[in-house]
Protein backbone atom coordinates (compact mmCIF):
# COMPACT_ATOMS: atom_id res chain seq x y z
CA MET A 1 33.33 -4.20 -41.37
CA ASP A 2 34.88 -1.26 -43.23
CA LEU A 3 35.08 1.63 -40.77
CA ASP A 4 38.21 3.30 -42.10
CA ALA A 5 36.34 5.80 -44.22
CA TYR A 6 34.07 6.73 -41.33
CA PHE A 7 36.54 7.19 -38.48
CA GLY A 8 39.76 8.04 -40.29
CA HIS A 9 43.12 7.61 -38.61
CA ALA A 10 45.95 9.88 -37.64
CA ALA A 11 48.96 9.61 -39.92
CA PRO A 12 51.81 7.57 -38.41
CA PRO A 13 54.63 9.71 -37.07
CA SER A 14 57.33 10.46 -39.63
CA GLY A 15 60.89 11.47 -38.88
CA GLU A 16 60.23 11.82 -35.17
CA GLY A 17 62.31 10.51 -32.30
CA PHE A 18 61.45 7.80 -29.78
CA LYS A 19 58.10 8.37 -28.09
CA SER A 20 57.02 7.23 -24.65
CA GLY A 21 54.17 7.88 -22.29
CA PHE A 22 51.14 6.67 -20.38
CA VAL A 23 47.68 5.83 -21.68
CA THR A 24 44.83 5.03 -19.30
CA LEU A 25 41.95 2.78 -20.37
CA ILE A 26 38.72 3.81 -18.68
CA GLY A 27 35.06 2.94 -19.06
CA ARG A 28 32.10 1.15 -17.57
CA PRO A 29 32.41 -2.47 -16.37
CA ASN A 30 32.76 -4.98 -19.22
CA ALA A 31 33.56 -2.33 -21.82
CA GLY A 32 36.50 -4.45 -23.00
CA LYS A 33 39.47 -2.69 -21.39
CA SER A 34 41.36 -5.79 -20.25
CA THR A 35 40.68 -7.62 -23.50
CA LEU A 36 42.12 -4.69 -25.48
CA LEU A 37 45.20 -4.64 -23.23
CA ASN A 38 45.78 -8.37 -23.80
CA THR A 39 45.35 -7.99 -27.56
CA ILE A 40 47.88 -5.16 -27.71
CA MET A 41 50.36 -7.16 -25.65
CA GLY A 42 49.83 -10.28 -27.75
CA LYS A 43 49.33 -12.47 -24.68
CA LYS A 44 47.13 -12.80 -21.64
CA ILE A 45 48.37 -10.81 -18.68
CA ALA A 46 45.07 -9.31 -17.44
CA ILE A 47 42.07 -11.44 -16.52
CA THR A 48 38.71 -11.10 -18.25
CA SER A 49 35.15 -12.23 -17.57
CA ASN A 50 31.57 -11.00 -17.97
CA THR A 51 31.37 -10.20 -14.25
CA ALA A 52 31.48 -6.60 -13.02
CA GLN A 53 34.53 -5.81 -10.84
CA THR A 54 36.63 -8.39 -12.69
CA THR A 55 39.49 -5.87 -12.74
CA ARG A 56 40.34 -4.85 -9.18
CA HIS A 57 43.89 -3.62 -9.65
CA ARG A 58 45.16 -0.57 -11.45
CA PHE A 59 47.12 -2.73 -13.83
CA ARG A 60 49.98 -1.42 -15.97
CA ALA A 61 51.31 -3.19 -19.04
CA VAL A 62 54.40 -2.07 -20.96
CA TYR A 63 54.23 -2.21 -24.76
CA THR A 64 57.62 -1.49 -26.34
CA ARG A 65 58.64 -1.14 -29.99
CA ASP A 66 61.74 0.28 -31.66
CA ASP A 67 60.01 3.64 -32.04
CA MET A 68 57.98 3.94 -28.84
CA GLN A 69 57.07 2.67 -25.40
CA MET A 70 53.43 2.84 -24.34
CA ILE A 71 52.54 2.18 -20.71
CA ILE A 72 48.92 1.01 -20.69
CA VAL A 73 46.99 1.51 -17.46
CA ASP A 74 43.97 -0.80 -17.19
CA THR A 75 41.45 0.34 -14.56
CA PRO A 76 38.47 -1.12 -12.72
CA GLY A 77 35.16 -0.34 -14.45
CA LEU A 78 33.55 2.84 -13.16
CA HIS A 79 30.14 2.17 -11.63
CA LYS A 80 27.82 3.22 -8.83
CA PRO A 81 29.43 1.61 -5.77
CA HIS A 82 27.40 -0.52 -3.34
CA ASP A 83 30.11 -1.17 -0.75
CA ALA A 84 33.60 -0.13 0.36
CA LEU A 85 35.17 -2.32 -2.33
CA GLY A 86 33.23 -0.52 -5.07
CA GLU A 87 34.23 2.86 -3.67
CA GLU A 88 37.87 1.80 -3.54
CA LEU A 89 37.80 0.56 -7.14
CA ASN A 90 36.24 3.81 -8.36
CA THR A 91 38.92 5.78 -6.52
CA SER A 92 41.61 3.67 -8.15
CA ALA A 93 40.16 4.18 -11.63
CA LEU A 94 39.88 7.96 -11.22
CA LYS A 95 43.40 8.30 -9.81
CA ALA A 96 44.66 6.57 -12.95
CA LEU A 97 43.56 9.64 -14.92
CA GLU A 98 46.11 11.84 -13.21
CA ASP A 99 49.28 12.86 -15.05
CA VAL A 100 48.82 10.62 -18.10
CA ASP A 101 49.38 11.57 -21.72
CA VAL A 102 46.34 9.87 -23.25
CA ILE A 103 42.97 8.78 -21.85
CA ALA A 104 41.11 6.17 -23.90
CA MET A 105 37.47 5.75 -22.91
CA LEU A 106 36.02 2.46 -24.07
CA ILE A 107 32.34 2.28 -24.96
CA ASP A 108 30.70 -1.06 -25.76
CA ALA A 109 29.43 -0.65 -29.33
CA SER A 110 26.87 -3.41 -28.83
CA LYS A 111 24.99 -1.52 -26.09
CA PRO A 112 23.28 1.89 -26.26
CA VAL A 113 25.21 4.82 -24.86
CA GLY A 114 23.64 5.46 -21.47
CA ARG A 115 23.85 7.49 -18.29
CA GLY A 116 26.74 5.37 -17.06
CA ASP A 117 28.78 6.36 -20.12
CA GLU A 118 27.77 9.98 -19.62
CA TRP A 119 28.99 9.88 -16.01
CA VAL A 120 32.33 8.35 -17.00
CA ALA A 121 32.80 10.92 -19.80
CA ALA A 122 32.02 13.73 -17.35
CA GLN A 123 35.07 12.70 -15.29
CA LEU A 124 37.26 13.63 -18.26
CA ASP A 125 36.43 17.32 -17.73
CA GLY A 126 38.23 17.43 -14.39
CA PRO A 127 41.40 19.48 -13.87
CA HIS A 128 43.50 16.28 -13.61
CA CYS A 129 42.57 15.45 -17.23
CA LYS A 130 43.13 18.90 -18.71
CA HIS A 131 46.39 18.14 -20.50
CA ALA A 132 45.64 14.57 -21.63
CA LYS A 133 44.54 13.77 -25.17
CA LYS A 134 41.22 11.92 -25.25
CA ILE A 135 40.39 9.01 -27.53
CA CYS A 136 36.92 7.47 -27.77
CA VAL A 137 37.19 3.72 -28.41
CA LEU A 138 34.07 1.93 -29.62
CA SER A 139 34.82 -1.65 -28.63
CA LYS A 140 33.32 -5.03 -29.55
CA GLY A 141 32.92 -4.06 -33.19
CA ASP A 142 32.62 -7.73 -34.12
CA LEU A 143 29.20 -7.78 -32.44
CA VAL A 144 27.60 -4.99 -34.50
CA THR A 145 26.94 -3.99 -38.10
CA THR A 146 28.63 -1.04 -39.75
CA GLU A 147 25.38 0.92 -39.50
CA GLN A 148 25.13 0.24 -35.77
CA MET A 149 28.73 1.30 -35.29
CA HIS A 150 28.05 4.56 -37.09
CA GLU A 151 25.00 5.23 -34.90
CA GLN A 152 27.04 4.51 -31.79
CA ALA A 153 29.76 6.87 -32.99
CA GLU A 154 27.24 9.69 -33.41
CA ALA A 155 25.96 9.14 -29.87
CA ALA A 156 29.51 8.96 -28.48
CA LYS A 157 30.51 12.23 -30.17
CA LYS A 158 28.07 14.06 -27.88
CA LEU A 159 29.75 12.83 -24.69
CA ALA A 160 33.00 14.79 -24.87
CA ASN A 161 35.37 16.75 -27.07
CA TRP A 162 37.39 13.84 -28.41
CA ASP A 163 40.79 14.24 -30.02
CA ALA A 164 40.24 10.99 -31.92
CA MET A 165 37.73 8.17 -32.28
CA VAL A 166 38.41 4.55 -33.18
CA GLY A 167 36.07 1.60 -33.69
CA LEU A 168 37.72 -1.77 -33.14
CA SER A 169 37.35 -5.40 -32.14
CA SER A 170 39.82 -6.80 -29.63
CA GLU A 171 38.50 -10.31 -30.25
CA SER A 172 39.28 -10.27 -33.98
CA GLY A 173 42.10 -7.74 -33.76
CA TYR A 174 40.36 -5.43 -36.24
CA ASN A 175 41.62 -1.83 -36.03
CA VAL A 176 43.66 -2.42 -32.88
CA ASP A 177 46.74 -1.27 -34.81
CA ALA A 178 44.86 1.92 -35.69
CA PHE A 179 44.29 2.56 -31.98
CA ILE A 180 48.01 2.09 -31.29
CA GLU A 181 48.83 4.56 -34.08
CA GLU A 182 46.46 7.14 -32.63
CA VAL A 183 48.06 6.81 -29.20
CA GLN A 184 51.55 7.04 -30.67
CA CYS A 185 50.70 10.30 -32.41
CA PHE A 186 49.74 11.84 -29.07
CA LEU A 187 52.69 10.58 -27.01
CA PRO A 188 55.57 12.99 -26.34
CA GLU A 189 59.13 12.27 -27.37
CA GLY A 190 61.15 10.88 -24.52
CA PRO A 191 63.15 7.94 -23.17
CA ALA A 192 61.78 4.51 -22.33
CA TRP A 193 60.45 4.39 -18.78
CA PHE A 194 60.89 0.63 -18.39
CA PRO A 195 63.26 -2.06 -19.73
CA ALA A 196 62.30 -3.29 -23.21
CA ASP A 197 61.66 -6.84 -21.98
CA MET A 198 59.35 -5.78 -19.14
CA GLU A 199 55.66 -6.50 -19.79
CA THR A 200 53.98 -5.37 -16.56
CA ASP A 201 54.78 -3.65 -13.29
CA GLN A 202 52.62 -6.05 -11.29
CA PRO A 203 54.32 -8.55 -8.96
CA ILE A 204 54.02 -12.10 -10.28
CA GLU A 205 52.12 -13.09 -7.13
CA VAL A 206 49.36 -10.61 -7.99
CA ILE A 207 49.03 -11.97 -11.53
CA VAL A 208 48.92 -15.55 -10.25
CA ALA A 209 46.21 -14.67 -7.72
CA GLU A 210 44.18 -12.94 -10.43
CA PHE A 211 44.42 -15.93 -12.79
CA ILE A 212 42.95 -18.09 -10.02
CA ARG A 213 40.18 -15.59 -9.31
CA GLU A 214 39.29 -15.50 -13.01
CA LYS A 215 38.57 -19.24 -13.00
CA ILE A 216 36.23 -18.79 -10.04
CA LEU A 217 34.41 -15.92 -11.79
CA ARG A 218 33.94 -17.97 -14.93
CA THR A 219 32.87 -21.11 -13.06
CA PHE A 220 30.26 -19.65 -10.72
CA ARG A 221 28.98 -16.54 -12.53
CA ASP A 222 26.29 -15.08 -10.23
CA GLU A 223 26.66 -17.19 -7.08
CA VAL A 224 29.75 -15.79 -5.39
CA PRO A 225 31.96 -13.68 -7.71
CA HIS A 226 31.91 -10.36 -5.83
CA SER A 227 32.66 -12.09 -2.53
CA ILE A 228 35.89 -13.68 -3.76
CA GLY A 229 39.36 -12.51 -2.83
CA VAL A 230 42.57 -14.44 -3.54
CA THR A 231 46.02 -14.17 -1.98
CA ILE A 232 49.23 -16.10 -2.64
CA GLU A 233 50.55 -17.39 0.68
CA HIS A 234 53.67 -19.05 -0.69
CA MET A 235 55.34 -19.41 -4.09
CA GLU A 236 58.59 -21.27 -4.64
CA TYR A 237 60.44 -22.44 -7.75
CA GLU A 238 62.23 -25.80 -7.65
CA LYS A 239 64.91 -25.63 -10.32
CA LYS A 240 65.71 -29.37 -10.42
CA LYS A 241 62.08 -30.25 -11.10
CA ASP A 242 61.34 -27.09 -13.15
CA LEU A 243 58.30 -26.73 -10.91
CA ASN A 244 56.58 -23.79 -9.24
CA ARG A 245 54.86 -24.71 -5.97
CA ILE A 246 52.04 -22.27 -5.22
CA LEU A 247 49.87 -22.09 -2.11
CA ALA A 248 46.85 -19.83 -2.63
CA ARG A 249 44.08 -18.87 -0.25
CA ILE A 250 40.59 -18.10 -1.55
CA TYR A 251 38.53 -15.86 0.73
CA VAL A 252 34.72 -15.75 0.82
CA GLU A 253 32.31 -13.92 3.12
CA ARG A 254 29.98 -16.74 4.24
CA ASP A 255 30.17 -20.43 5.11
CA SER A 256 27.62 -21.24 2.38
CA GLN A 257 29.94 -19.66 -0.22
CA LYS A 258 32.80 -21.79 1.05
CA GLY A 259 30.70 -24.88 0.39
CA ILE A 260 29.94 -23.71 -3.15
CA ILE A 261 33.60 -23.09 -3.95
CA ILE A 262 34.68 -26.48 -2.61
CA GLY A 263 31.78 -28.39 -4.17
CA LYS A 264 30.54 -31.89 -3.47
CA GLY A 265 33.49 -34.07 -2.58
CA GLY A 266 35.84 -31.22 -3.53
CA SER A 267 34.77 -31.39 -7.20
CA ALA A 268 34.47 -27.61 -7.74
CA ILE A 269 37.79 -26.64 -6.15
CA LYS A 270 39.49 -29.42 -8.11
CA ARG A 271 38.12 -28.07 -11.39
CA ILE A 272 39.20 -24.51 -10.50
CA GLY A 273 42.69 -25.78 -9.72
CA GLN A 274 43.00 -27.71 -12.98
CA GLU A 275 41.88 -24.78 -15.12
CA ALA A 276 44.06 -22.27 -13.26
CA ARG A 277 47.09 -24.55 -13.44
CA GLU A 278 46.85 -24.75 -17.24
CA ASP A 279 46.97 -20.94 -17.54
CA LEU A 280 49.69 -20.60 -14.92
CA GLU A 281 51.95 -23.11 -16.66
CA GLN A 282 51.70 -21.03 -19.85
CA LEU A 283 52.32 -17.82 -17.89
CA LEU A 284 55.30 -19.13 -15.92
CA GLY A 285 56.74 -21.51 -18.53
CA THR A 286 57.14 -24.27 -15.94
CA ARG A 287 55.13 -27.08 -14.40
CA VAL A 288 52.91 -25.89 -11.55
CA TYR A 289 51.78 -27.57 -8.34
CA LEU A 290 48.81 -25.55 -7.09
CA ASP A 291 47.36 -25.96 -3.59
CA LEU A 292 44.10 -24.07 -2.98
CA MET A 293 42.55 -23.38 0.44
CA VAL A 294 39.22 -21.67 1.13
CA LYS A 295 38.71 -19.43 4.16
CA VAL A 296 35.75 -17.37 5.40
CA LYS A 297 36.38 -13.69 6.20
CA LYS A 298 33.00 -12.19 6.97
CA ASN A 299 32.01 -8.94 5.21
CA TRP A 300 35.54 -8.20 3.99
CA ARG A 301 34.16 -6.05 1.14
CA ARG A 302 32.88 -3.52 3.69
CA ASP A 303 36.27 -3.18 5.38
CA ALA A 304 38.55 -0.73 3.57
CA THR A 305 41.58 -1.94 5.55
CA GLN A 306 41.00 -5.55 4.52
CA ILE A 307 40.38 -4.52 0.90
CA ARG A 308 43.77 -2.86 0.79
CA ARG A 309 45.41 -5.88 2.37
CA PHE A 310 44.14 -7.86 -0.60
CA GLY A 311 45.84 -5.29 -2.82
CA TYR A 312 42.62 -4.17 -4.52
CA GLY A 313 42.08 -0.57 -5.56
CA GLU A 314 44.90 1.49 -4.08
CA GLY A 315 46.01 -1.35 -1.79
CA LEU A 316 49.35 -1.92 -3.51
């Protein structure tokens, strides 16, 4: 797909000093924010799935090169909330727009621009966004034709006064470098905010819990995904064995959901553990012993205090 002539790209900085700053990724659920973050970082650090509310943390990744450091803030998808959890996630996403240098709104190029996109774009007119540069990112370009991408771009232009627009595919990597160049052009000169070898500001326990939750989302789809919360009760590294022992607790809201997660004869929980362990061994670079427990905590999504104890939204 040749989109270069249509979108155009900002010229790479020339003769400038080191640049650093914050860019927030925002958009509707499943717009591709976490996938774009992982592609930029060159490894999986944020979970992805087709389920709304997959991202529950305001997640920051640190992308560092010799000429810049970009702190990428991934946010929960903005949507009409149906419970306290949804309200908390929306609050977290909107707070991530404050005091950043660049706001990148992702729009799924494979779906018509709708009222949800209009509502998200309207948030960019607030006083907390006044000084940020705004980039429209048409994601999932691998799923559409060039003509469809052009039509989507025309519709997206009407949503806001964009400083730049980029069509890309995080899956194939197409034009992701162009997005990075656009962001770099808008970042101010300044020192690195984080060490060059730091990839995220999230505690490792949070990332481990999220990797486990991802496997549940992908295994059960519609049955229980929104009712799932995961916490790490204990995590210990045994140097002699090069082994991380992890005890995780999976929370659900009803006894019937507990039965689904465990499965007949423990088959479902065993499969979740096997799949999660494979990802965790790559993440941690060690062998992993993973012990999963399932506990019922009724209606936890309606309890703002409990939501924050899980670390979702503004909980951390």
